[in-house]
PDB file of N, CA and C in Angstrom:
ATOM      1  N   MET A   1      -2.295 -19.247  -2.740  1.00  0.00           N
ATOM      2  CA  MET A   1      -2.645 -17.830  -2.843  1.00  0.00           C
ATOM      3  C   MET A   1      -1.384 -16.990  -2.664  1.00  0.00           C
ATOM      4  N   ASN A   2      -1.308 -15.905  -3.352  1.00  0.00           N
ATOM      5  CA  ASN A   2      -0.192 -14.976  -3.294  1.00  0.00           C
ATOM      6  C   ASN A   2       0.055 -14.512  -1.856  1.00  0.00           C
ATOM      7  N   LYS A   3       1.334 -14.544  -1.421  1.00  0.00           N
ATOM      8  CA  LYS A   3       1.655 -14.157  -0.041  1.00  0.00           C
ATOM      9  C   LYS A   3       1.242 -12.718   0.259  1.00  0.00           C
ATOM     10  N   HIS A   4       1.381 -11.826  -0.728  1.00  0.00           N
ATOM     11  CA  HIS A   4       0.995 -10.431  -0.492  1.00  0.00           C
ATOM     12  C   HIS A   4      -0.517 -10.289  -0.354  1.00  0.00           C
ATOM     13  N   LEU A   5      -1.261 -11.091  -1.067  1.00  0.00           N
ATOM     14  CA  LEU A   5      -2.716 -11.048  -0.935  1.00  0.00           C
ATOM     15  C   LEU A   5      -3.133 -11.523   0.455  1.00  0.00           C
ATOM     16  N   LEU A   6      -2.470 -12.560   0.942  1.00  0.00           N
ATOM     17  CA  LEU A   6      -2.751 -13.040   2.302  1.00  0.00           C
ATOM     18  C   LEU A   6      -2.417 -11.967   3.344  1.00  0.00           C
ATOM     19  N   LEU A   7      -1.273 -11.307   3.174  1.00  0.00           N
ATOM     20  CA  LEU A   7      -0.885 -10.253   4.122  1.00  0.00           C
ATOM     21  C   LEU A   7      -1.837  -9.061   4.056  1.00  0.00           C
ATOM     22  N   ALA A   8      -2.293  -8.716   2.862  1.00  0.00           N
ATOM     23  CA  ALA A   8      -3.261  -7.617   2.730  1.00  0.00           C
ATOM     24  C   ALA A   8      -4.543  -7.951   3.470  1.00  0.00           C
ATOM     25  N   LYS A   9      -5.031  -9.168   3.289  1.00  0.00           N
ATOM     26  CA  LYS A   9      -6.265  -9.574   3.971  1.00  0.00           C
ATOM     27  C   LYS A   9      -6.070  -9.634   5.483  1.00  0.00           C
ATOM     28  N   HIS A  10      -4.910 -10.078   5.915  1.00  0.00           N
ATOM     29  CA  HIS A  10      -4.588 -10.115   7.342  1.00  0.00           C
ATOM     30  C   HIS A  10      -4.591  -8.691   7.924  1.00  0.00           C
ATOM     31  N   ASN A  11      -3.937  -7.752   7.229  1.00  0.00           N
ATOM     32  CA  ASN A  11      -3.903  -6.360   7.695  1.00  0.00           C
ATOM     33  C   ASN A  11      -5.292  -5.740   7.713  1.00  0.00           C
ATOM     34  N   LYS A  12      -6.082  -6.039   6.693  1.00  0.00           N
ATOM     35  CA  LYS A  12      -7.446  -5.500   6.630  1.00  0.00           C
ATOM     36  C   LYS A  12      -8.279  -6.012   7.812  1.00  0.00           C
ATOM     37  N   ALA A  13      -8.133  -7.301   8.135  1.00  0.00           N
ATOM     38  CA  ALA A  13      -8.850  -7.868   9.283  1.00  0.00           C
ATOM     39  C   ALA A  13      -8.389  -7.213  10.587  1.00  0.00           C
ATOM     40  N   PHE A  14      -7.075  -6.968  10.705  1.00  0.00           N
ATOM     41  CA  PHE A  14      -6.557  -6.302  11.899  1.00  0.00           C
ATOM     42  C   PHE A  14      -7.119  -4.886  12.013  1.00  0.00           C
ATOM     43  N   HIS A  15      -7.172  -4.172  10.895  1.00  0.00           N
ATOM     44  CA  HIS A  15      -7.724  -2.812  10.907  1.00  0.00           C
ATOM     45  C   HIS A  15      -9.178  -2.821  11.361  1.00  0.00           C
ATOM     46  N   THR A  16      -9.949  -3.784  10.889  1.00  0.00           N
ATOM     47  CA  THR A  16     -11.351  -3.894  11.288  1.00  0.00           C
ATOM     48  C   THR A  16     -11.461  -4.102  12.788  1.00  0.00           C
ATOM     49  N   LYS A  17     -10.671  -5.001  13.330  1.00  0.00           N
ATOM     50  CA  LYS A  17     -10.712  -5.271  14.781  1.00  0.00           C
ATOM     51  C   LYS A  17     -10.240  -4.055  15.576  1.00  0.00           C
ATOM     52  N   LEU A  18      -9.192  -3.405  15.102  1.00  0.00           N
ATOM     53  CA  LEU A  18      -8.690  -2.215  15.776  1.00  0.00           C
ATOM     54  C   LEU A  18      -9.736  -1.110  15.798  1.00  0.00           C
ATOM     55  N   THR A  19     -10.421  -0.924  14.684  1.00  0.00           N
ATOM     56  CA  THR A  19     -11.448   0.104  14.577  1.00  0.00           C
ATOM     57  C   THR A  19     -12.651  -0.218  15.454  1.00  0.00           C
ATOM     58  N   GLU A  20     -13.033  -1.494  15.489  1.00  0.00           N
ATOM     59  CA  GLU A  20     -14.163  -1.902  16.342  1.00  0.00           C
ATOM     60  C   GLU A  20     -13.836  -1.712  17.819  1.00  0.00           C
ATOM     61  N   ALA A  21     -12.622  -2.075  18.214  1.00  0.00           N
ATOM     62  CA  ALA A  21     -12.234  -2.003  19.625  1.00  0.00           C
ATOM     63  C   ALA A  21     -11.941  -0.567  20.072  1.00  0.00           C
ATOM     64  N   PHE A  22     -11.403   0.237  19.157  1.00  0.00           N
ATOM     65  CA  PHE A  22     -10.989   1.593  19.509  1.00  0.00           C
ATOM     66  C   PHE A  22     -11.456   2.574  18.432  1.00  0.00           C
ATOM     67  N   PRO A  23     -12.761   2.834  18.355  1.00  0.00           N
ATOM     68  CA  PRO A  23     -13.279   3.670  17.265  1.00  0.00           C
ATOM     69  C   PRO A  23     -12.756   5.108  17.290  1.00  0.00           C
ATOM     70  N   ASP A  24     -12.375   5.610  18.438  1.00  0.00           N
ATOM     71  CA  ASP A  24     -11.965   7.008  18.544  1.00  0.00           C
ATOM     72  C   ASP A  24     -10.495   7.195  18.916  1.00  0.00           C
ATOM     73  N   ASP A  25      -9.695   6.146  18.769  1.00  0.00           N
ATOM     74  CA  ASP A  25      -8.286   6.213  19.174  1.00  0.00           C
ATOM     75  C   ASP A  25      -7.390   5.557  18.114  1.00  0.00           C
ATOM     76  N   PHE A  26      -6.098   5.795  18.257  1.00  0.00           N
ATOM     77  CA  PHE A  26      -5.051   5.120  17.475  1.00  0.00           C
ATOM     78  C   PHE A  26      -5.149   5.368  15.973  1.00  0.00           C
ATOM     79  N   TYR A  27      -5.474   6.598  15.606  1.00  0.00           N
ATOM     80  CA  TYR A  27      -5.588   6.926  14.187  1.00  0.00           C
ATOM     81  C   TYR A  27      -4.257   6.750  13.457  1.00  0.00           C
ATOM     82  N   ASP A  28      -3.139   7.000  14.162  1.00  0.00           N
ATOM     83  CA  ASP A  28      -1.836   6.816  13.524  1.00  0.00           C
ATOM     84  C   ASP A  28      -1.630   5.354  13.126  1.00  0.00           C
ATOM     85  N   TRP A  29      -1.993   4.439  14.014  1.00  0.00           N
ATOM     86  CA  TRP A  29      -1.830   3.016  13.699  1.00  0.00           C
ATOM     87  C   TRP A  29      -2.843   2.557  12.662  1.00  0.00           C
ATOM     88  N   LYS A  30      -4.035   3.099  12.722  1.00  0.00           N
ATOM     89  CA  LYS A  30      -5.033   2.740  11.707  1.00  0.00           C
ATOM     90  C   LYS A  30      -4.556   3.167  10.314  1.00  0.00           C
ATOM     91  N   SER A  31      -3.997   4.362  10.209  1.00  0.00           N
ATOM     92  CA  SER A  31      -3.469   4.843   8.928  1.00  0.00           C
ATOM     93  C   SER A  31      -2.318   3.970   8.446  1.00  0.00           C
ATOM     94  N   THR A  32      -1.445   3.602   9.360  1.00  0.00           N
ATOM     95  CA  THR A  32      -0.306   2.760   9.006  1.00  0.00           C
ATOM     96  C   THR A  32      -0.760   1.394   8.511  1.00  0.00           C
ATOM     97  N   VAL A  33      -1.728   0.805   9.191  1.00  0.00           N
ATOM     98  CA  VAL A  33      -2.240  -0.506   8.783  1.00  0.00           C
ATOM     99  C   VAL A  33      -2.914  -0.417   7.420  1.00  0.00           C
ATOM    100  N   ILE A  34      -3.670   0.633   7.185  1.00  0.00           N
ATOM    101  CA  ILE A  34      -4.323   0.798   5.882  1.00  0.00           C
ATOM    102  C   ILE A  34      -3.270   0.988   4.787  1.00  0.00           C
ATOM    103  N   PHE A  35      -2.224   1.769   5.073  1.00  0.00           N
ATOM    104  CA  PHE A  35      -1.172   1.919   4.073  1.00  0.00           C
ATOM    105  C   PHE A  35      -0.556   0.561   3.739  1.00  0.00           C
ATOM    106  N   TYR A  36      -0.197  -0.224   4.756  1.00  0.00           N
ATOM    107  CA  TYR A  36       0.443  -1.511   4.483  1.00  0.00           C
ATOM    108  C   TYR A  36      -0.520  -2.512   3.845  1.00  0.00           C
ATOM    109  N   THR A  37      -1.794  -2.341   4.088  1.00  0.00           N
ATOM    110  CA  THR A  37      -2.773  -3.146   3.353  1.00  0.00           C
ATOM    111  C   THR A  37      -2.666  -2.814   1.867  1.00  0.00           C
ATOM    112  N   SER A  38      -2.633  -1.530   1.543  1.00  0.00           N
ATOM    113  CA  SER A  38      -2.517  -1.123   0.135  1.00  0.00           C
ATOM    114  C   SER A  38      -1.173  -1.553  -0.445  1.00  0.00           C
ATOM    115  N   TYR A  39      -0.115  -1.491   0.345  1.00  0.00           N
ATOM    116  CA  TYR A  39       1.220  -1.932  -0.076  1.00  0.00           C
ATOM    117  C   TYR A  39       1.178  -3.392  -0.532  1.00  0.00           C
ATOM    118  N   HIS A  40       0.538  -4.221   0.260  1.00  0.00           N
ATOM    119  CA  HIS A  40       0.469  -5.647  -0.086  1.00  0.00           C
ATOM    120  C   HIS A  40      -0.474  -5.902  -1.265  1.00  0.00           C
ATOM    121  N   TYR A  41      -1.567  -5.161  -1.354  1.00  0.00           N
ATOM    122  CA  TYR A  41      -2.431  -5.293  -2.542  1.00  0.00           C
ATOM    123  C   TYR A  41      -1.668  -4.861  -3.802  1.00  0.00           C
ATOM    124  N   LEU A  42      -0.892  -3.793  -3.708  1.00  0.00           N
ATOM    125  CA  LEU A  42      -0.099  -3.337  -4.843  1.00  0.00           C
ATOM    126  C   LEU A  42       0.900  -4.415  -5.269  1.00  0.00           C
ATOM    127  N   HIS A  43       1.584  -5.015  -4.292  1.00  0.00           N
ATOM    128  CA  HIS A  43       2.528  -6.093  -4.602  1.00  0.00           C
ATOM    129  C   HIS A  43       1.813  -7.307  -5.199  1.00  0.00           C
ATOM    130  N   ALA A  44       0.644  -7.620  -4.690  1.00  0.00           N
ATOM    131  CA  ALA A  44      -0.114  -8.754  -5.240  1.00  0.00           C
ATOM    132  C   ALA A  44      -0.478  -8.488  -6.701  1.00  0.00           C
ATOM    133  N   LEU A  45      -0.884  -7.263  -7.000  1.00  0.00           N
ATOM    134  CA  LEU A  45      -1.207  -6.905  -8.378  1.00  0.00           C
ATOM    135  C   LEU A  45       0.041  -6.970  -9.256  1.00  0.00           C
ATOM    136  N   ALA A  46       1.164  -6.465  -8.749  1.00  0.00           N
ATOM    137  CA  ALA A  46       2.416  -6.527  -9.501  1.00  0.00           C
ATOM    138  C   ALA A  46       2.805  -7.980  -9.777  1.00  0.00           C
ATOM    139  N   ASP A  47       2.657  -8.842  -8.789  1.00  0.00           N
ATOM    140  CA  ASP A  47       2.946 -10.266  -8.986  1.00  0.00           C
ATOM    141  C   ASP A  47       2.026 -10.855 -10.055  1.00  0.00           C
ATOM    142  N   HIS A  48       0.756 -10.498 -10.000  1.00  0.00           N
ATOM    143  CA  HIS A  48      -0.217 -10.990 -10.980  1.00  0.00           C
ATOM    144  C   HIS A  48       0.157 -10.536 -12.397  1.00  0.00           C
ATOM    145  N   TRP A  49       0.613  -9.303 -12.513  1.00  0.00           N
ATOM    146  CA  TRP A  49       1.020  -8.750 -13.811  1.00  0.00           C
ATOM    147  C   TRP A  49       2.444  -9.160 -14.185  1.00  0.00           C
ATOM    148  N   LYS A  50       3.128  -9.876 -13.237  1.00  0.00           N
ATOM    149  CA  LYS A  50       4.515 -10.297 -13.438  1.00  0.00           C
ATOM    150  C   LYS A  50       5.458  -9.111 -13.645  1.00  0.00           C
ATOM    151  N   VAL A  51       5.286  -8.129 -12.763  1.00  0.00           N
ATOM    152  CA  VAL A  51       6.081  -6.905 -12.792  1.00  0.00           C
ATOM    153  C   VAL A  51       6.823  -6.789 -11.464  1.00  0.00           C
ATOM    154  N   ARG A  52       8.094  -6.424 -11.538  1.00  0.00           N
ATOM    155  CA  ARG A  52       8.854  -6.159 -10.310  1.00  0.00           C
ATOM    156  C   ARG A  52       8.792  -4.677  -9.997  1.00  0.00           C
ATOM    157  N   ILE A  53       8.337  -4.363  -8.789  1.00  0.00           N
ATOM    158  CA  ILE A  53       8.247  -2.949  -8.403  1.00  0.00           C
ATOM    159  C   ILE A  53       9.240  -2.586  -7.313  1.00  0.00           C
ATOM    160  N   GLY A  54       9.976  -3.565  -6.783  1.00  0.00           N
ATOM    161  CA  GLY A  54      10.952  -3.291  -5.738  1.00  0.00           C
ATOM    162  C   GLY A  54      10.426  -3.663  -4.370  1.00  0.00           C
ATOM    163  N   GLU A  55      11.293  -3.535  -3.399  1.00  0.00           N
ATOM    164  CA  GLU A  55      10.937  -3.930  -2.034  1.00  0.00           C
ATOM    165  C   GLU A  55      10.901  -2.761  -1.056  1.00  0.00           C
ATOM    166  N   ASN A  56      11.618  -1.690  -1.344  1.00  0.00           N
ATOM    167  CA  ASN A  56      11.571  -0.564  -0.410  1.00  0.00           C
ATOM    168  C   ASN A  56      10.710   0.552  -0.999  1.00  0.00           C
ATOM    169  N   HIS A  57      10.325   1.480  -0.157  1.00  0.00           N
ATOM    170  CA  HIS A  57       9.392   2.535  -0.573  1.00  0.00           C
ATOM    171  C   HIS A  57       9.937   3.353  -1.739  1.00  0.00           C
ATOM    172  N   SER A  58      11.212   3.666  -1.715  1.00  0.00           N
ATOM    173  CA  SER A  58      11.808   4.465  -2.779  1.00  0.00           C
ATOM    174  C   SER A  58      11.708   3.751  -4.134  1.00  0.00           C
ATOM    175  N   GLU A  59      12.062   2.475  -4.170  1.00  0.00           N
ATOM    176  CA  GLU A  59      11.968   1.699  -5.415  1.00  0.00           C
ATOM    177  C   GLU A  59      10.525   1.603  -5.898  1.00  0.00           C
ATOM    178  N   ILE A  60       9.619   1.337  -4.973  1.00  0.00           N
ATOM    179  CA  ILE A  60       8.211   1.189  -5.337  1.00  0.00           C
ATOM    180  C   ILE A  60       7.679   2.495  -5.932  1.00  0.00           C
ATOM    181  N   PHE A  61       7.945   3.616  -5.268  1.00  0.00           N
ATOM    182  CA  PHE A  61       7.454   4.895  -5.794  1.00  0.00           C
ATOM    183  C   PHE A  61       8.048   5.201  -7.163  1.00  0.00           C
ATOM    184  N   SER A  62       9.302   4.881  -7.354  1.00  0.00           N
ATOM    185  CA  SER A  62       9.918   5.100  -8.661  1.00  0.00           C
ATOM    186  C   SER A  62       9.245   4.238  -9.733  1.00  0.00           C
ATOM    187  N   ASN A  63       8.892   3.017  -9.377  1.00  0.00           N
ATOM    188  CA  ASN A  63       8.340   2.069 -10.347  1.00  0.00           C
ATOM    189  C   ASN A  63       6.835   2.194 -10.575  1.00  0.00           C
ATOM    190  N   ILE A  64       6.164   3.031  -9.790  1.00  0.00           N
ATOM    191  CA  ILE A  64       4.729   3.243 -10.014  1.00  0.00           C
ATOM    192  C   ILE A  64       4.393   4.704 -10.321  1.00  0.00           C
ATOM    193  N   ASN A  65       5.373   5.586 -10.163  1.00  0.00           N
ATOM    194  CA  ASN A  65       5.134   7.019 -10.351  1.00  0.00           C
ATOM    195  C   ASN A  65       4.724   7.308 -11.788  1.00  0.00           C
ATOM    196  N   THR A  66       3.568   7.890 -11.956  1.00  0.00           N
ATOM    197  CA  THR A  66       3.030   8.151 -13.299  1.00  0.00           C
ATOM    198  C   THR A  66       3.850   9.186 -14.068  1.00  0.00           C
ATOM    199  N   ARG A  67       4.688   9.956 -13.382  1.00  0.00           N
ATOM    200  CA  ARG A  67       5.561  10.918 -14.068  1.00  0.00           C
ATOM    201  C   ARG A  67       6.842  10.259 -14.573  1.00  0.00           C
ATOM    202  N   ASN A  68       7.126   9.034 -14.104  1.00  0.00           N
ATOM    203  CA  ASN A  68       8.317   8.298 -14.530  1.00  0.00           C
ATOM    204  C   ASN A  68       7.961   7.467 -15.768  1.00  0.00           C
ATOM    205  N   HIS A  69       8.459   7.865 -16.903  1.00  0.00           N
ATOM    206  CA  HIS A  69       8.136   7.169 -18.154  1.00  0.00           C
ATOM    207  C   HIS A  69       8.788   5.793 -18.229  1.00  0.00           C
ATOM    208  N   ASN A  70       9.766   5.527 -17.366  1.00  0.00           N
ATOM    209  CA  ASN A  70      10.439   4.219 -17.332  1.00  0.00           C
ATOM    210  C   ASN A  70       9.918   3.322 -16.212  1.00  0.00           C
ATOM    211  N   ARG A  71       8.798   3.686 -15.619  1.00  0.00           N
ATOM    212  CA  ARG A  71       8.268   2.898 -14.503  1.00  0.00           C
ATOM    213  C   ARG A  71       7.937   1.486 -14.985  1.00  0.00           C
ATOM    214  N   SER A  72       8.002   0.538 -14.064  1.00  0.00           N
ATOM    215  CA  SER A  72       7.736  -0.851 -14.445  1.00  0.00           C
ATOM    216  C   SER A  72       6.264  -1.222 -14.329  1.00  0.00           C
ATOM    217  N   MET A  73       5.498  -0.458 -13.552  1.00  0.00           N
ATOM    218  CA  MET A  73       4.082  -0.767 -13.363  1.00  0.00           C
ATOM    219  C   MET A  73       3.251   0.426 -13.798  1.00  0.00           C
ATOM    220  N   LYS A  74       2.425   0.215 -14.767  1.00  0.00           N
ATOM    221  CA  LYS A  74       1.634   1.290 -15.363  1.00  0.00           C
ATOM    222  C   LYS A  74       0.297   1.451 -14.637  1.00  0.00           C
ATOM    223  N   LEU A  75       0.321   2.186 -13.540  1.00  0.00           N
ATOM    224  CA  LEU A  75      -0.909   2.502 -12.815  1.00  0.00           C
ATOM    225  C   LEU A  75      -1.529   3.761 -13.390  1.00  0.00           C
ATOM    226  N   GLN A  76      -2.816   3.899 -13.202  1.00  0.00           N
ATOM    227  CA  GLN A  76      -3.465   5.161 -13.543  1.00  0.00           C
ATOM    228  C   GLN A  76      -3.046   6.211 -12.524  1.00  0.00           C
ATOM    229  N   LYS A  77      -3.043   7.461 -12.953  1.00  0.00           N
ATOM    230  CA  LYS A  77      -2.617   8.553 -12.076  1.00  0.00           C
ATOM    231  C   LYS A  77      -3.415   8.581 -10.779  1.00  0.00           C
ATOM    232  N   GLY A  78      -4.713   8.340 -10.855  1.00  0.00           N
ATOM    233  CA  GLY A  78      -5.540   8.353  -9.648  1.00  0.00           C
ATOM    234  C   GLY A  78      -5.118   7.294  -8.646  1.00  0.00           C
ATOM    235  N   ALA A  79      -4.755   6.125  -9.128  1.00  0.00           N
ATOM    236  CA  ALA A  79      -4.310   5.046  -8.234  1.00  0.00           C
ATOM    237  C   ALA A  79      -2.987   5.420  -7.580  1.00  0.00           C
ATOM    238  N   TYR A  80      -2.069   5.974  -8.373  1.00  0.00           N
ATOM    239  CA  TYR A  80      -0.794   6.431  -7.817  1.00  0.00           C
ATOM    240  C   TYR A  80      -1.028   7.520  -6.765  1.00  0.00           C
ATOM    241  N   ASP A  81      -1.868   8.482  -7.086  1.00  0.00           N
ATOM    242  CA  ASP A  81      -2.135   9.590  -6.157  1.00  0.00           C
ATOM    243  C   ASP A  81      -2.723   9.088  -4.835  1.00  0.00           C
ATOM    244  N   LEU A  82      -3.628   8.130  -4.912  1.00  0.00           N
ATOM    245  CA  LEU A  82      -4.223   7.582  -3.686  1.00  0.00           C
ATOM    246  C   LEU A  82      -3.190   6.817  -2.853  1.00  0.00           C
ATOM    247  N   TYR A  83      -2.342   6.028  -3.508  1.00  0.00           N
ATOM    248  CA  TYR A  83      -1.286   5.304  -2.800  1.00  0.00           C
ATOM    249  C   TYR A  83      -0.349   6.297  -2.114  1.00  0.00           C
ATOM    250  N   ASN A  84       0.031   7.339  -2.836  1.00  0.00           N
ATOM    251  CA  ASN A  84       0.901   8.367  -2.279  1.00  0.00           C
ATOM    252  C   ASN A  84       0.234   9.067  -1.092  1.00  0.00           C
ATOM    253  N   ALA A  85      -1.060   9.359  -1.202  1.00  0.00           N
ATOM    254  CA  ALA A  85      -1.783  10.008  -0.098  1.00  0.00           C
ATOM    255  C   ALA A  85      -1.808   9.120   1.150  1.00  0.00           C
ATOM    256  N   LEU A  86      -2.013   7.816   0.944  1.00  0.00           N
ATOM    257  CA  LEU A  86      -1.978   6.899   2.088  1.00  0.00           C
ATOM    258  C   LEU A  86      -0.602   6.882   2.735  1.00  0.00           C
ATOM    259  N   TYR A  87       0.426   6.881   1.913  1.00  0.00           N
ATOM    260  CA  TYR A  87       1.804   6.897   2.416  1.00  0.00           C
ATOM    261  C   TYR A  87       2.038   8.136   3.272  1.00  0.00           C
ATOM    262  N   GLU A  88       1.620   9.276   2.744  1.00  0.00           N
ATOM    263  CA  GLU A  88       1.827  10.532   3.478  1.00  0.00           C
ATOM    264  C   GLU A  88       0.975  10.594   4.743  1.00  0.00           C
ATOM    265  N   THR A  89      -0.235  10.077   4.683  1.00  0.00           N
ATOM    266  CA  THR A  89      -1.111  10.061   5.852  1.00  0.00           C
ATOM    267  C   THR A  89      -0.552   9.176   6.956  1.00  0.00           C
ATOM    268  N   ALA A  90      -0.023   8.041   6.559  1.00  0.00           N
ATOM    269  CA  ALA A  90       0.547   7.117   7.555  1.00  0.00           C
ATOM    270  C   ALA A  90       1.886   7.633   8.082  1.00  0.00           C
ATOM    271  N   ASP A  91       2.476   8.606   7.367  1.00  0.00           N
ATOM    272  CA  ASP A  91       3.756   9.190   7.798  1.00  0.00           C
ATOM    273  C   ASP A  91       4.768   8.089   8.055  1.00  0.00           C
ATOM    274  N   ILE A  92       4.972   7.231   7.068  1.00  0.00           N
ATOM    275  CA  ILE A  92       5.819   6.054   7.196  1.00  0.00           C
ATOM    276  C   ILE A  92       7.256   6.405   7.581  1.00  0.00           C
ATOM    277  N   MET A  93       7.769   7.461   7.037  1.00  0.00           N
ATOM    278  CA  MET A  93       9.165   7.786   7.296  1.00  0.00           C
ATOM    279  C   MET A  93       9.352   8.651   8.550  1.00  0.00           C
ATOM    280  N   GLY A  94       8.320   8.826   9.328  1.00  0.00           N
ATOM    281  CA  GLY A  94       8.436   9.542  10.583  1.00  0.00           C
ATOM    282  C   GLY A  94       8.336  11.008  10.404  1.00  0.00           C
TER     283      GLY A  94
END
């Protein structure tokens, strides 16, 4: 199985346990875990499509951005917008 798919499932399981144990706390960590779950699902899809999207956030956004006509991964605008919203919600860059 694809390593990114395994990591996505691992993160999703962690999010479930975190939410069950702390339903009203740690929203910052819950958002971060959900973002990285989507990050790994995105990489798994890119691997399946045999597309390189990069390893850091800047490369990935460049390669999936629907406004970039040279992007390597052709996502629908809605998928890009949701990924971007998760990134901003998790406040990855501090």
